[in-house]
Amino acid sequence: MAAIRPDRTDDWWRTAAIYQVYPRSFADGDGDGTGDLAGVRSKLAHLAELGVDAVWFTPWYVSPLVDGGYDVADYRTIDPAFGTLAEAEKLIAEARAYGIRTLVDIVPNHVSDQHAWFRAALAAGPGSPERELFHFRPGRGESGELPPNDWPSQFSGSTWTRVPDGEWYLHLFTPEQPDLNWAHPRVRQEHEEILRFWFERGVAGVRIDSAALLAKDPALADFEEGVDPHPYIDQDELHDIYRSWRAIADEYDAIFVGEVWLPDAERFARYLRPDELHTAFNFNFLACPWQAGPLRRTIDDTLAEHAPVGAPATWVLCNHDVTRTVTRYGREDTGFDFARKEFGTPTDLELGTRRARAAALLTLALPGAVYVYQGEELGLPEAEVPRERIQDPMHFRSGGTDPGRDGCRVPLPWAAAEPHAGFGAGDEPWLPQPEGWEAYAADLQGADPGSMLSLYREALRLRRTLPAFAQGPLRWLPAPEGALVFGRGPGLVCAVNLAERAAELPAHSEVLLASGPLDDDGLLPRDSAVWLLV
């Protein structure tokens, strides 16, 4: 076992490095082609050596896996494909022995259509108490043949599905994910009990999926573009829900991170008031193009949004829904937008890798918490999954035009010489690994001081051990055109060159870490970053 790091202070989450595990694709411990908890337990030493403070698991509960586990059938049971509840408890404890906390994913907006509540609602029929837990409504039109309203889906397609007795039920995502009615007290009570269930098992925090979608306009009025309030995004009733959740988390010294996509900075900050969520994901930074001006504005806006409520910012380059950083930064359009995803986009992976290395140093130098999606530390590109192997519902609901999200979920390569690049010794992985995937294997990169893995390990070590990373706000410093230069604490500077030509470095006494070799004359090459002592 690797050396155990001492516990951080009670506000560890303010500066934490948190690693995201998508269990199905992390490591396969039993050889059935699906990642599992045994696989995660076998790689805890990797996470400890990487230097993360916590691990966030995307849903590991019983699920038909229509939407990658975000269609939950039972929150108190681990899906048999991943393991057992006892094994999850053991994993939480073993991770803690390494000094790594555990966060789990809660999906409060909806459940699976295989959830006991929804099966009971279908069986009970119109007007029943069971249906009050969801949004069942009669249809419009002469015989109820039209949906109750025209709300747009978070995926493509309709938000309503009709059942044999003629009623319709609401689902903002797929038909297999019926939305819960958060105006019903039983829904609130159930989720508060679920929180306690996992906090009792040692979980240190919860990531809240689709956190701004739970409450709906009770009239279910038609959607009007640009009209406030939105009928199902950012309803005021949400804040009472999260205040009650925060009281429970405080009992266990646990934290929340919300998935909150909102363009209004003031309304976004309301979720981070001291009696609500601790943190929320920063999607504006994730989607920002690799350009100096937009990045600086996004960083400034993010810090300004969080300042009034005293909450730390979070920084993330990629997650289980988003095109991997190496691929995104190797394209002409380096930003991210779900609507712009398409097959066959030209990509320069060498350029993308160089930029991803620089972006890693930029991100890890910013004040606040940082999230690292599994495989980013290996520099994995977005995999091109054959159309016949795609499983993501976003692909199918788009009529096959959207590539979906499977490309960032392909199983990880651990050992170059082992079957399936070390992901598992048995069956073929649930998603195919591309040809040459073994070249990214962790065992090869661990032995290469110039690899992406070595860069992440050293950056996280410095971030954890140098007091300057935890002291004082970000200070912008003079920079050449097309570059970003800022200070952190006393004596530490981060410089990132996004210009077309090499840039002069600020005056310094030592180069702590660079994303790539400096020019012979000491200049910082384009698409590079460096940490300096001054």
Protein backbone atom coordinates (compact mmCIF):
# COMPACT_ATOMS: atom_id res chain seq x y z
CA MET A 1 0.00 0.00 0.00
CA ALA A 2 1.23 3.46 -0.88
CA ALA A 3 2.04 5.93 1.84
CA ILE A 4 -1.08 7.24 3.55
CA ARG A 5 -1.48 10.98 3.27
CA PRO A 6 -2.63 12.87 6.36
CA ASP A 7 -6.24 14.05 6.39
CA ARG A 8 -6.92 17.51 5.05
CA THR A 9 -8.71 20.05 7.20
CA ASP A 10 -12.49 20.04 7.51
CA ASP A 11 -12.75 22.32 4.47
CA TRP A 12 -10.73 19.89 2.35
CA TRP A 13 -13.27 20.26 -0.45
CA ARG A 14 -12.33 23.89 -1.06
CA THR A 15 -9.01 22.95 -2.67
CA ALA A 16 -9.50 19.23 -3.37
CA ALA A 17 -8.43 17.26 -6.42
CA ILE A 18 -11.32 14.87 -7.09
CA TYR A 19 -11.09 11.99 -9.56
CA GLN A 20 -14.18 10.87 -11.45
CA VAL A 21 -14.68 7.12 -11.87
CA TYR A 22 -17.13 5.76 -14.43
CA PRO A 23 -17.21 2.24 -12.91
CA ARG A 24 -18.27 0.40 -16.06
CA SER A 25 -15.09 1.50 -17.84
CA PHE A 26 -12.48 1.84 -15.11
CA ALA A 27 -11.19 -1.71 -14.48
CA ASP A 28 -12.71 -5.18 -14.78
CA GLY A 29 -11.95 -7.31 -11.73
CA ASP A 30 -13.98 -10.42 -12.58
CA GLY A 31 -13.29 -10.73 -16.30
CA ASP A 32 -16.84 -10.32 -17.61
CA GLY A 33 -16.01 -7.31 -19.79
CA THR A 34 -17.62 -4.76 -17.45
CA GLY A 35 -15.72 -2.59 -14.98
CA ASP A 36 -16.61 -3.22 -11.37
CA LEU A 37 -15.81 -2.39 -7.75
CA ALA A 38 -13.22 -5.17 -7.57
CA GLY A 39 -11.45 -3.46 -10.44
CA VAL A 40 -11.52 -0.12 -8.64
CA ARG A 41 -10.18 -1.66 -5.45
CA SER A 42 -7.29 -3.17 -7.44
CA LYS A 43 -6.35 0.32 -8.70
CA LEU A 44 -6.55 2.30 -5.47
CA ALA A 45 -2.75 2.47 -5.36
CA HIS A 46 -2.83 4.18 -8.77
CA LEU A 47 -5.22 6.82 -7.42
CA ALA A 48 -3.10 7.31 -4.30
CA GLU A 49 0.07 7.70 -6.35
CA LEU A 50 -1.73 10.09 -8.66
CA GLY A 51 -2.38 12.24 -5.60
CA VAL A 52 -6.14 12.82 -5.52
CA ASP A 53 -8.09 13.69 -2.39
CA ALA A 54 -11.38 12.04 -3.29
CA VAL A 55 -13.07 9.83 -5.86
CA TRP A 56 -16.51 10.55 -7.30
CA PHE A 57 -18.35 7.49 -8.61
CA THR A 58 -20.98 7.89 -11.27
CA PRO A 59 -24.06 5.74 -10.44
CA TRP A 60 -23.21 2.23 -9.30
CA TYR A 61 -26.77 1.31 -8.31
CA VAL A 62 -29.12 -1.29 -9.77
CA SER A 63 -30.05 -0.03 -13.23
CA PRO A 64 -31.13 -1.29 -16.66
CA LEU A 65 -28.28 0.94 -17.96
CA VAL A 66 -30.44 2.59 -20.60
CA ASP A 67 -28.61 5.85 -19.85
CA GLY A 68 -25.30 4.64 -18.45
CA GLY A 69 -26.64 4.10 -14.92
CA TYR A 70 -28.46 7.44 -14.68
CA ASP A 71 -31.69 5.43 -14.80
CA VAL A 72 -31.67 4.15 -11.21
CA ALA A 73 -33.95 1.31 -10.14
CA ASP A 74 -32.77 1.00 -6.51
CA TYR A 75 -30.54 3.46 -4.65
CA ARG A 76 -29.78 1.11 -1.78
CA THR A 77 -28.37 -1.75 -3.84
CA ILE A 78 -25.24 -1.99 -5.98
CA ASP A 79 -25.85 -3.30 -9.48
CA PRO A 80 -24.69 -6.95 -9.60
CA ALA A 81 -22.57 -6.11 -12.65
CA PHE A 82 -20.44 -3.93 -10.34
CA GLY A 83 -20.50 -5.93 -7.11
CA THR A 84 -22.38 -5.85 -3.82
CA LEU A 85 -23.23 -3.32 -1.12
CA ALA A 86 -20.75 -5.03 1.20
CA GLU A 87 -18.05 -4.59 -1.44
CA ALA A 88 -18.94 -0.91 -1.84
CA GLU A 89 -18.59 -0.44 1.91
CA LYS A 90 -15.22 -2.20 1.79
CA LEU A 91 -14.11 0.02 -1.10
CA ILE A 92 -15.09 3.17 0.80
CA ALA A 93 -13.06 2.01 3.81
CA GLU A 94 -10.04 0.92 1.77
CA ALA A 95 -9.97 4.21 -0.12
CA ARG A 96 -10.13 6.06 3.18
CA ALA A 97 -7.08 4.13 4.37
CA TYR A 98 -5.23 5.69 1.43
CA GLY A 99 -6.47 9.12 2.48
CA ILE A 100 -9.03 9.19 -0.35
CA ARG A 101 -12.64 10.14 0.34
CA THR A 102 -15.62 8.82 -1.62
CA LEU A 103 -18.40 10.78 -3.32
CA VAL A 104 -21.44 9.09 -4.87
CA ASP A 105 -23.87 10.24 -7.52
CA ILE A 106 -27.55 10.93 -6.75
CA VAL A 107 -30.04 11.39 -9.61
CA PRO A 108 -33.04 13.10 -7.97
CA ASN A 109 -34.85 14.33 -11.07
CA HIS A 110 -35.92 10.90 -12.26
CA VAL A 111 -35.76 7.16 -11.70
CA SER A 112 -35.73 4.14 -13.98
CA ASP A 113 -39.00 2.88 -15.40
CA GLN A 114 -38.03 -0.35 -13.61
CA HIS A 115 -38.11 1.37 -10.21
CA ALA A 116 -40.71 -0.13 -7.87
CA TRP A 117 -42.52 3.19 -7.57
CA PHE A 118 -43.02 3.55 -11.30
CA ARG A 119 -44.09 -0.06 -11.81
CA ALA A 120 -46.67 0.46 -9.06
CA ALA A 121 -47.84 3.69 -10.70
CA LEU A 122 -48.42 1.97 -14.02
CA ALA A 123 -50.35 -0.83 -12.34
CA ALA A 124 -52.47 1.47 -10.15
CA GLY A 125 -53.97 3.52 -12.95
CA PRO A 126 -55.19 7.12 -13.35
CA GLY A 127 -55.99 9.12 -10.22
CA SER A 128 -54.09 6.78 -7.90
CA PRO A 129 -51.74 7.90 -5.09
CA GLU A 130 -48.96 5.95 -6.80
CA ARG A 131 -49.18 8.16 -9.88
CA GLU A 132 -48.93 11.31 -7.77
CA LEU A 133 -45.24 10.52 -7.24
CA PHE A 134 -44.68 11.25 -10.95
CA HIS A 135 -46.12 13.65 -13.52
CA PHE A 136 -49.00 11.75 -15.10
CA ARG A 137 -51.47 13.82 -17.11
CA PRO A 138 -54.26 13.36 -19.65
CA GLY A 139 -53.30 14.36 -23.17
CA ARG A 140 -54.58 17.20 -25.27
CA GLY A 141 -56.68 16.92 -28.40
CA GLU A 142 -60.11 15.43 -28.95
CA SER A 143 -59.15 12.02 -27.59
CA GLY A 144 -56.05 12.90 -25.57
CA GLU A 145 -53.78 11.89 -28.42
CA LEU A 146 -51.46 14.91 -28.03
CA PRO A 147 -48.85 15.37 -25.27
CA PRO A 148 -49.90 17.53 -22.28
CA ASN A 149 -47.42 20.27 -23.23
CA ASP A 150 -44.60 21.10 -25.62
CA TRP A 151 -41.60 21.03 -23.26
CA PRO A 152 -38.28 20.39 -25.05
CA SER A 153 -36.27 17.33 -24.04
CA GLN A 154 -32.78 17.39 -22.56
CA PHE A 155 -32.13 14.72 -25.18
CA SER A 156 -33.71 14.71 -28.64
CA GLY A 157 -37.34 13.70 -29.05
CA SER A 158 -40.47 14.08 -26.95
CA THR A 159 -40.66 14.62 -23.19
CA TRP A 160 -43.93 12.67 -22.90
CA THR A 161 -44.86 9.00 -23.33
CA ARG A 162 -48.40 7.66 -23.43
CA VAL A 163 -49.33 4.52 -21.46
CA PRO A 164 -52.04 2.03 -22.46
CA ASP A 165 -54.73 3.60 -20.25
CA GLY A 166 -54.38 6.87 -22.17
CA GLU A 167 -52.43 9.04 -19.68
CA TRP A 168 -49.03 10.49 -20.43
CA TYR A 169 -45.99 10.71 -18.14
CA LEU A 170 -43.19 13.28 -18.19
CA HIS A 171 -39.54 12.43 -18.81
CA LEU A 172 -37.07 15.20 -19.53
CA PHE A 173 -34.58 12.57 -20.69
CA THR A 174 -35.51 9.14 -22.12
CA PRO A 175 -38.90 7.39 -21.73
CA GLU A 176 -37.10 4.92 -19.45
CA GLN A 177 -36.39 7.81 -17.01
CA PRO A 178 -39.74 9.10 -15.65
CA ASP A 179 -39.48 12.40 -13.76
CA LEU A 180 -40.38 12.44 -10.08
CA ASN A 181 -42.90 14.91 -8.64
CA TRP A 182 -40.86 16.91 -6.14
CA ALA A 183 -43.99 18.68 -4.87
CA HIS A 184 -44.91 15.38 -3.18
CA PRO A 185 -43.59 15.02 0.40
CA ARG A 186 -42.88 11.32 -0.03
CA VAL A 187 -40.38 12.08 -2.80
CA ARG A 188 -38.53 14.49 -0.54
CA GLN A 189 -38.57 12.07 2.39
CA GLU A 190 -37.26 9.21 0.25
CA HIS A 191 -34.26 11.17 -0.97
CA GLU A 192 -33.41 12.43 2.49
CA GLU A 193 -33.37 8.81 3.64
CA ILE A 194 -31.16 7.86 0.69
CA LEU A 195 -28.67 10.55 1.68
CA ARG A 196 -28.54 9.24 5.23
CA PHE A 197 -28.16 5.68 3.94
CA TRP A 198 -24.93 6.53 2.12
CA PHE A 199 -23.58 8.97 4.68
CA GLU A 200 -23.94 6.21 7.29
CA ARG A 201 -21.68 4.05 5.09
CA GLY A 202 -18.87 6.56 5.13
CA VAL A 203 -19.53 8.52 1.97
CA ALA A 204 -17.98 11.99 2.25
CA GLY A 205 -20.11 13.72 -0.33
CA VAL A 206 -22.73 13.58 -3.05
CA ARG A 207 -22.72 14.82 -6.62
CA ILE A 208 -26.26 15.89 -7.60
CA ASP A 209 -27.18 15.10 -11.19
CA SER A 210 -29.29 17.65 -13.10
CA ALA A 211 -29.56 19.65 -9.89
CA ALA A 212 -31.55 22.55 -11.40
CA LEU A 213 -34.31 20.43 -12.97
CA LEU A 214 -36.18 18.81 -10.06
CA ALA A 215 -39.00 21.30 -9.45
CA LYS A 216 -41.56 21.86 -12.21
CA ASP A 217 -44.16 24.52 -12.91
CA PRO A 218 -47.25 22.92 -11.30
CA ALA A 219 -49.41 24.08 -14.20
CA LEU A 220 -47.08 22.33 -16.69
CA ALA A 221 -47.57 25.34 -18.93
CA ASP A 222 -46.18 25.31 -22.47
CA PHE A 223 -42.59 26.36 -22.96
CA GLU A 224 -41.92 29.87 -24.28
CA GLU A 225 -38.39 30.64 -25.41
CA GLY A 226 -36.81 33.45 -23.40
CA VAL A 227 -39.69 33.75 -20.92
CA ASP A 228 -38.86 33.61 -17.21
CA PRO A 229 -39.27 31.68 -15.08
CA HIS A 230 -38.43 28.58 -17.10
CA PRO A 231 -41.07 25.90 -16.46
CA TYR A 232 -38.60 23.26 -15.32
CA ILE A 233 -35.15 24.81 -14.92
CA ASP A 234 -34.09 26.75 -11.81
CA GLN A 235 -37.48 26.91 -10.10
CA ASP A 236 -37.38 28.77 -6.78
CA GLU A 237 -38.69 25.73 -4.88
CA LEU A 238 -35.33 24.01 -5.39
CA HIS A 239 -33.62 26.08 -2.75
CA ASP A 240 -35.85 24.81 0.04
CA ILE A 241 -35.04 21.25 -1.04
CA TYR A 242 -31.30 21.86 -0.91
CA ARG A 243 -31.47 23.66 2.42
CA SER A 244 -33.05 20.54 3.91
CA TRP A 245 -30.35 18.41 2.29
CA ARG A 246 -27.59 20.66 3.62
CA ALA A 247 -28.85 20.21 7.18
CA ILE A 248 -28.46 16.45 6.75
CA ALA A 249 -25.00 16.73 5.20
CA ASP A 250 -23.85 18.94 8.06
CA GLU A 251 -24.73 16.18 10.52
CA TYR A 252 -22.19 13.94 8.78
CA ASP A 253 -19.62 16.58 7.79
CA ALA A 254 -20.38 15.67 4.18
CA ILE A 255 -20.46 17.87 1.07
CA PHE A 256 -22.49 18.42 -2.10
CA VAL A 257 -21.44 19.29 -5.63
CA GLY A 258 -24.27 20.20 -7.97
CA GLU A 259 -24.55 19.76 -11.70
CA VAL A 260 -25.98 23.22 -12.36
CA TRP A 261 -26.05 24.54 -15.93
CA LEU A 262 -27.27 28.15 -15.71
CA PRO A 263 -26.28 31.19 -17.81
CA ASP A 264 -27.31 33.68 -15.10
CA ALA A 265 -24.38 34.15 -12.69
CA GLU A 266 -26.50 35.58 -9.90
CA ARG A 267 -29.01 32.73 -10.00
CA PHE A 268 -26.16 30.19 -10.22
CA ALA A 269 -24.59 31.63 -7.05
CA ARG A 270 -27.85 31.19 -5.12
CA TYR A 271 -27.25 27.43 -5.08
CA LEU A 272 -23.94 28.03 -3.31
CA ARG A 273 -25.20 30.05 -0.37
CA PRO A 274 -23.81 28.82 2.97
CA ASP A 275 -26.95 26.81 3.78
CA GLU A 276 -27.27 25.11 0.38
CA LEU A 277 -24.71 23.33 -1.83
CA HIS A 278 -21.00 23.46 -1.07
CA THR A 279 -19.88 23.58 -4.70
CA ALA A 280 -21.21 23.32 -8.26
CA PHE A 281 -19.57 22.33 -11.51
CA ASN A 282 -18.14 25.06 -13.70
CA PHE A 283 -19.36 24.16 -17.17
CA ASN A 284 -18.45 27.50 -18.73
CA PHE A 285 -14.76 26.71 -18.21
CA LEU A 286 -15.17 23.18 -19.57
CA ALA A 287 -16.86 24.45 -22.74
CA CYS A 288 -14.51 27.41 -23.27
CA PRO A 289 -12.36 27.35 -26.43
CA TRP A 290 -8.57 27.23 -26.22
CA GLN A 291 -8.13 30.98 -26.61
CA ALA A 292 -6.51 33.39 -24.19
CA GLY A 293 -9.26 36.04 -24.16
CA PRO A 294 -12.24 33.74 -23.61
CA LEU A 295 -10.35 31.68 -21.01
CA ARG A 296 -9.40 34.76 -19.00
CA ARG A 297 -12.96 36.07 -19.12
CA THR A 298 -14.33 32.70 -18.04
CA ILE A 299 -11.88 32.46 -15.13
CA ASP A 300 -12.72 36.01 -14.02
CA ASP A 301 -16.45 35.42 -14.34
CA THR A 302 -16.22 32.16 -12.41
CA LEU A 303 -14.33 33.70 -9.51
CA ALA A 304 -16.71 36.68 -9.48
CA GLU A 305 -19.76 34.38 -9.40
CA HIS A 306 -18.48 32.53 -6.35
CA ALA A 307 -17.11 35.44 -4.37
CA PRO A 308 -20.43 36.86 -3.01
CA VAL A 309 -21.36 33.54 -1.37
CA GLY A 310 -17.86 32.56 -0.28
CA ALA A 311 -17.92 29.29 -2.23
CA PRO A 312 -14.86 27.84 -3.96
CA ALA A 313 -14.82 27.56 -7.73
CA THR A 314 -14.51 24.17 -9.40
CA TRP A 315 -12.51 23.49 -12.54
CA VAL A 316 -12.92 20.58 -14.93
CA LEU A 317 -11.77 19.89 -18.49
CA CYS A 318 -13.80 16.77 -19.24
CA ASN A 319 -16.33 14.31 -17.84
CA HIS A 320 -18.35 11.26 -18.85
CA ASP A 321 -20.62 13.36 -21.12
CA VAL A 322 -18.03 15.49 -22.93
CA THR A 323 -15.60 14.94 -25.79
CA ARG A 324 -12.18 14.18 -24.31
CA THR A 325 -9.79 17.10 -23.96
CA VAL A 326 -7.05 15.78 -26.26
CA THR A 327 -9.53 15.40 -29.10
CA ARG A 328 -11.46 18.61 -28.46
CA TYR A 329 -8.30 20.71 -28.36
CA GLY A 330 -7.05 19.10 -31.57
CA ARG A 331 -9.96 20.44 -33.61
CA GLU A 332 -10.63 23.75 -35.30
CA ASP A 333 -13.49 24.37 -32.87
CA THR A 334 -11.88 23.82 -29.47
CA GLY A 335 -14.99 24.64 -27.42
CA PHE A 336 -17.75 22.23 -26.57
CA ASP A 337 -21.43 22.21 -27.37
CA PHE A 338 -23.65 19.13 -27.49
CA ALA A 339 -25.45 20.57 -30.51
CA ARG A 340 -22.21 20.75 -32.53
CA LYS A 341 -21.10 17.14 -32.08
CA GLU A 342 -20.88 15.21 -35.32
CA PHE A 343 -19.14 12.22 -36.88
CA GLY A 344 -15.90 12.61 -38.80
CA THR A 345 -14.64 15.87 -37.33
CA PRO A 346 -10.97 16.34 -38.38
CA THR A 347 -8.64 16.12 -35.39
CA ASP A 348 -4.91 16.70 -34.86
CA LEU A 349 -4.14 14.52 -31.84
CA GLU A 350 -0.54 15.73 -31.54
CA LEU A 351 -1.74 19.32 -31.28
CA GLY A 352 -4.56 18.31 -28.95
CA THR A 353 -2.19 16.46 -26.65
CA ARG A 354 0.17 19.43 -26.44
CA ARG A 355 -2.72 21.72 -25.55
CA ALA A 356 -4.20 19.22 -23.08
CA ARG A 357 -0.89 19.10 -21.22
CA ALA A 358 -0.83 22.89 -21.00
CA ALA A 359 -4.49 22.97 -19.97
CA ALA A 360 -3.77 20.53 -17.16
CA LEU A 361 -1.21 22.93 -15.64
CA LEU A 362 -3.54 25.89 -16.14
CA THR A 363 -6.44 24.10 -14.47
CA LEU A 364 -4.44 22.71 -11.55
CA ALA A 365 -3.01 26.17 -10.81
CA LEU A 366 -6.40 27.88 -10.43
CA PRO A 367 -7.84 28.58 -6.96
CA GLY A 368 -10.54 26.15 -5.85
CA ALA A 369 -11.27 22.48 -6.40
CA VAL A 370 -10.43 20.50 -9.53
CA TYR A 371 -12.04 17.39 -11.04
CA VAL A 372 -10.11 14.91 -13.19
CA TYR A 373 -12.10 12.49 -15.34
CA GLN A 374 -10.68 8.97 -15.52
CA GLY A 375 -8.23 8.59 -18.38
CA GLU A 376 -7.45 12.29 -18.65
CA GLU A 377 -4.27 11.57 -16.69
CA LEU A 378 -3.37 9.13 -19.48
CA GLY A 379 -4.04 11.63 -22.25
CA LEU A 380 -6.70 9.44 -23.82
CA PRO A 381 -8.34 10.76 -26.99
CA GLU A 382 -12.01 10.39 -27.79
CA ALA A 383 -12.43 6.88 -29.19
CA GLU A 384 -14.29 6.34 -32.44
CA VAL A 385 -16.84 3.68 -31.49
CA PRO A 386 -18.20 1.75 -34.48
CA ARG A 387 -21.81 2.70 -35.13
CA GLU A 388 -23.01 -0.84 -34.56
CA ARG A 389 -21.44 -0.84 -31.07
CA ILE A 390 -22.76 2.55 -29.88
CA GLN A 391 -25.01 2.26 -26.82
CA ASP A 392 -25.67 5.87 -25.81
CA PRO A 393 -29.35 6.93 -26.08
CA MET A 394 -28.31 10.40 -27.27
CA HIS A 395 -27.19 8.74 -30.51
CA PHE A 396 -30.42 6.84 -31.08
CA ARG A 397 -32.76 9.67 -30.09
CA SER A 398 -30.99 11.94 -32.58
CA GLY A 399 -31.80 9.56 -35.41
CA GLY A 400 -28.17 8.49 -35.57
CA THR A 401 -26.69 11.92 -36.31
CA ASP A 402 -25.20 12.54 -32.84
CA PRO A 403 -22.11 10.38 -32.13
CA GLY A 404 -23.21 10.17 -28.51
CA ARG A 405 -21.00 10.01 -25.45
CA ASP A 406 -19.57 6.49 -25.68
CA GLY A 407 -16.30 7.76 -27.14
CA CYS A 408 -15.21 9.18 -23.77
CA ARG A 409 -16.39 6.05 -21.92
CA VAL A 410 -14.23 3.41 -23.59
CA PRO A 411 -12.52 1.12 -21.00
CA LEU A 412 -9.15 2.30 -19.73
CA PRO A 413 -5.78 0.79 -20.72
CA TRP A 414 -3.75 -0.30 -17.71
CA ALA A 415 -1.07 -2.73 -18.94
CA ALA A 416 0.18 -2.72 -22.53
CA ALA A 417 1.10 -6.41 -22.73
CA GLU A 418 -2.06 -7.81 -21.11
CA PRO A 419 -5.37 -8.73 -22.77
CA HIS A 420 -7.60 -5.75 -23.51
CA ALA A 421 -4.71 -3.46 -22.50
CA GLY A 422 -5.07 -4.63 -18.89
CA PHE A 423 -8.69 -3.56 -18.47
CA GLY A 424 -9.66 -7.16 -17.69
CA ALA A 425 -8.36 -10.63 -18.41
CA GLY A 426 -11.62 -12.22 -19.56
CA ASP A 427 -14.35 -11.19 -21.96
CA GLU A 428 -14.06 -8.40 -24.50
CA PRO A 429 -14.86 -5.02 -22.91
CA TRP A 430 -18.44 -3.76 -23.15
CA LEU A 431 -17.23 -1.00 -25.49
CA PRO A 432 -14.43 -1.83 -27.94
CA GLN A 433 -11.00 -0.35 -27.36
CA PRO A 434 -9.52 1.23 -30.48
CA GLU A 435 -6.51 -0.25 -32.22
CA GLY A 436 -3.32 0.96 -30.54
CA TRP A 437 -5.08 1.71 -27.22
CA GLU A 438 -2.29 -0.14 -25.37
CA ALA A 439 0.12 2.69 -26.23
CA TYR A 440 -1.69 4.79 -23.58
CA ALA A 441 -1.37 2.12 -20.88
CA ALA A 442 -0.66 3.31 -17.35
CA ASP A 443 2.26 0.92 -16.87
CA LEU A 444 4.09 2.38 -19.87
CA GLN A 445 3.38 5.95 -18.84
CA GLY A 446 4.39 5.36 -15.23
CA ALA A 447 7.88 4.48 -16.42
CA ASP A 448 8.15 7.50 -18.73
CA PRO A 449 9.00 10.79 -17.00
CA GLY A 450 7.72 12.70 -20.03
CA SER A 451 4.30 11.06 -20.16
CA MET A 452 0.92 12.64 -19.43
CA LEU A 453 0.61 10.45 -16.34
CA SER A 454 3.95 11.64 -14.98
CA LEU A 455 2.92 15.25 -15.64
CA TYR A 456 -0.32 14.83 -13.69
CA ARG A 457 1.43 13.06 -10.81
CA GLU A 458 4.03 15.78 -10.42
CA ALA A 459 1.52 18.62 -10.84
CA LEU A 460 -0.81 17.14 -8.23
CA ARG A 461 2.13 16.58 -5.87
CA LEU A 462 3.23 20.20 -6.15
CA ARG A 463 -0.34 21.44 -5.87
CA ARG A 464 -0.78 19.46 -2.68
CA THR A 465 2.53 20.33 -1.03
CA LEU A 466 3.31 23.93 -1.99
CA PRO A 467 1.62 26.42 0.37
CA ALA A 468 1.33 28.98 -2.44
CA PHE A 469 -1.46 26.96 -4.06
CA ALA A 470 -3.63 27.37 -0.98
CA GLN A 471 -2.79 30.98 -0.18
CA GLY A 472 -4.35 34.11 -1.59
CA PRO A 473 -6.42 34.84 -4.67
CA LEU A 474 -5.35 34.64 -8.29
CA ARG A 475 -3.41 37.74 -9.42
CA TRP A 476 -3.20 38.51 -13.13
CA LEU A 477 0.28 39.62 -14.18
CA PRO A 478 1.54 41.35 -17.33
CA ALA A 479 1.59 38.92 -20.24
CA PRO A 480 2.51 38.89 -23.93
CA GLU A 481 -0.42 38.99 -26.34
CA GLY A 482 -2.09 35.60 -26.52
CA ALA A 483 -0.69 34.43 -23.18
CA LEU A 484 -2.05 34.14 -19.65
CA VAL A 485 0.18 34.83 -16.65
CA PHE A 486 -1.00 34.83 -13.06
CA GLY A 487 0.37 34.48 -9.56
CA ARG A 488 -0.74 32.21 -6.74
CA GLY A 489 0.40 32.93 -3.22
CA PRO A 490 3.89 34.27 -2.57
CA GLY A 491 6.40 33.42 -5.25
CA LEU A 492 4.44 31.14 -7.58
CA VAL A 493 3.53 32.02 -11.18
CA CYS A 494 1.69 30.10 -13.89
CA ALA A 495 2.29 31.11 -17.52
CA VAL A 496 0.32 29.68 -20.44
CA ASN A 497 1.11 30.51 -24.06
CA LEU A 498 -1.87 30.27 -26.43
CA ALA A 499 -0.33 32.53 -29.09
CA GLU A 500 0.97 31.51 -32.52
CA ARG A 501 4.63 32.03 -31.56
CA ALA A 502 6.88 31.42 -28.56
CA ALA A 503 6.61 33.88 -25.66
CA GLU A 504 9.08 35.28 -23.17
CA LEU A 505 8.85 33.87 -19.68
CA PRO A 506 8.36 36.15 -16.67
CA ALA A 507 11.44 36.73 -14.57
CA HIS A 508 11.92 33.71 -12.33
CA SER A 509 14.38 31.84 -10.16
CA GLU A 510 13.31 28.29 -11.00
CA VAL A 511 11.12 26.32 -13.39
CA LEU A 512 9.03 24.03 -11.21
CA LEU A 513 7.16 22.19 -13.94
CA ALA A 514 6.56 22.63 -17.65
CA SER A 515 3.99 20.97 -19.89
CA GLY A 516 6.72 20.37 -22.47
CA PRO A 517 10.31 21.30 -23.29
CA LEU A 518 11.16 25.00 -23.35
CA ASP A 519 12.84 26.47 -26.42
CA ASP A 520 16.64 26.53 -26.44
CA ASP A 521 16.60 30.24 -25.70
CA GLY A 522 14.26 29.75 -22.72
CA LEU A 523 11.11 30.90 -24.47
CA LEU A 524 7.76 29.25 -23.76
CA PRO A 525 6.61 27.47 -26.94
CA ARG A 526 3.08 27.90 -28.27
CA ASP A 527 0.40 25.76 -26.59
CA SER A 528 2.59 25.23 -23.53
CA ALA A 529 2.38 26.08 -19.84
CA VAL A 530 4.88 26.40 -17.02
CA TRP A 531 4.92 26.83 -13.24
CA LEU A 532 7.64 29.17 -11.99
CA LEU A 533 9.16 30.25 -8.71
CA VAL A 534 9.85 33.98 -8.68
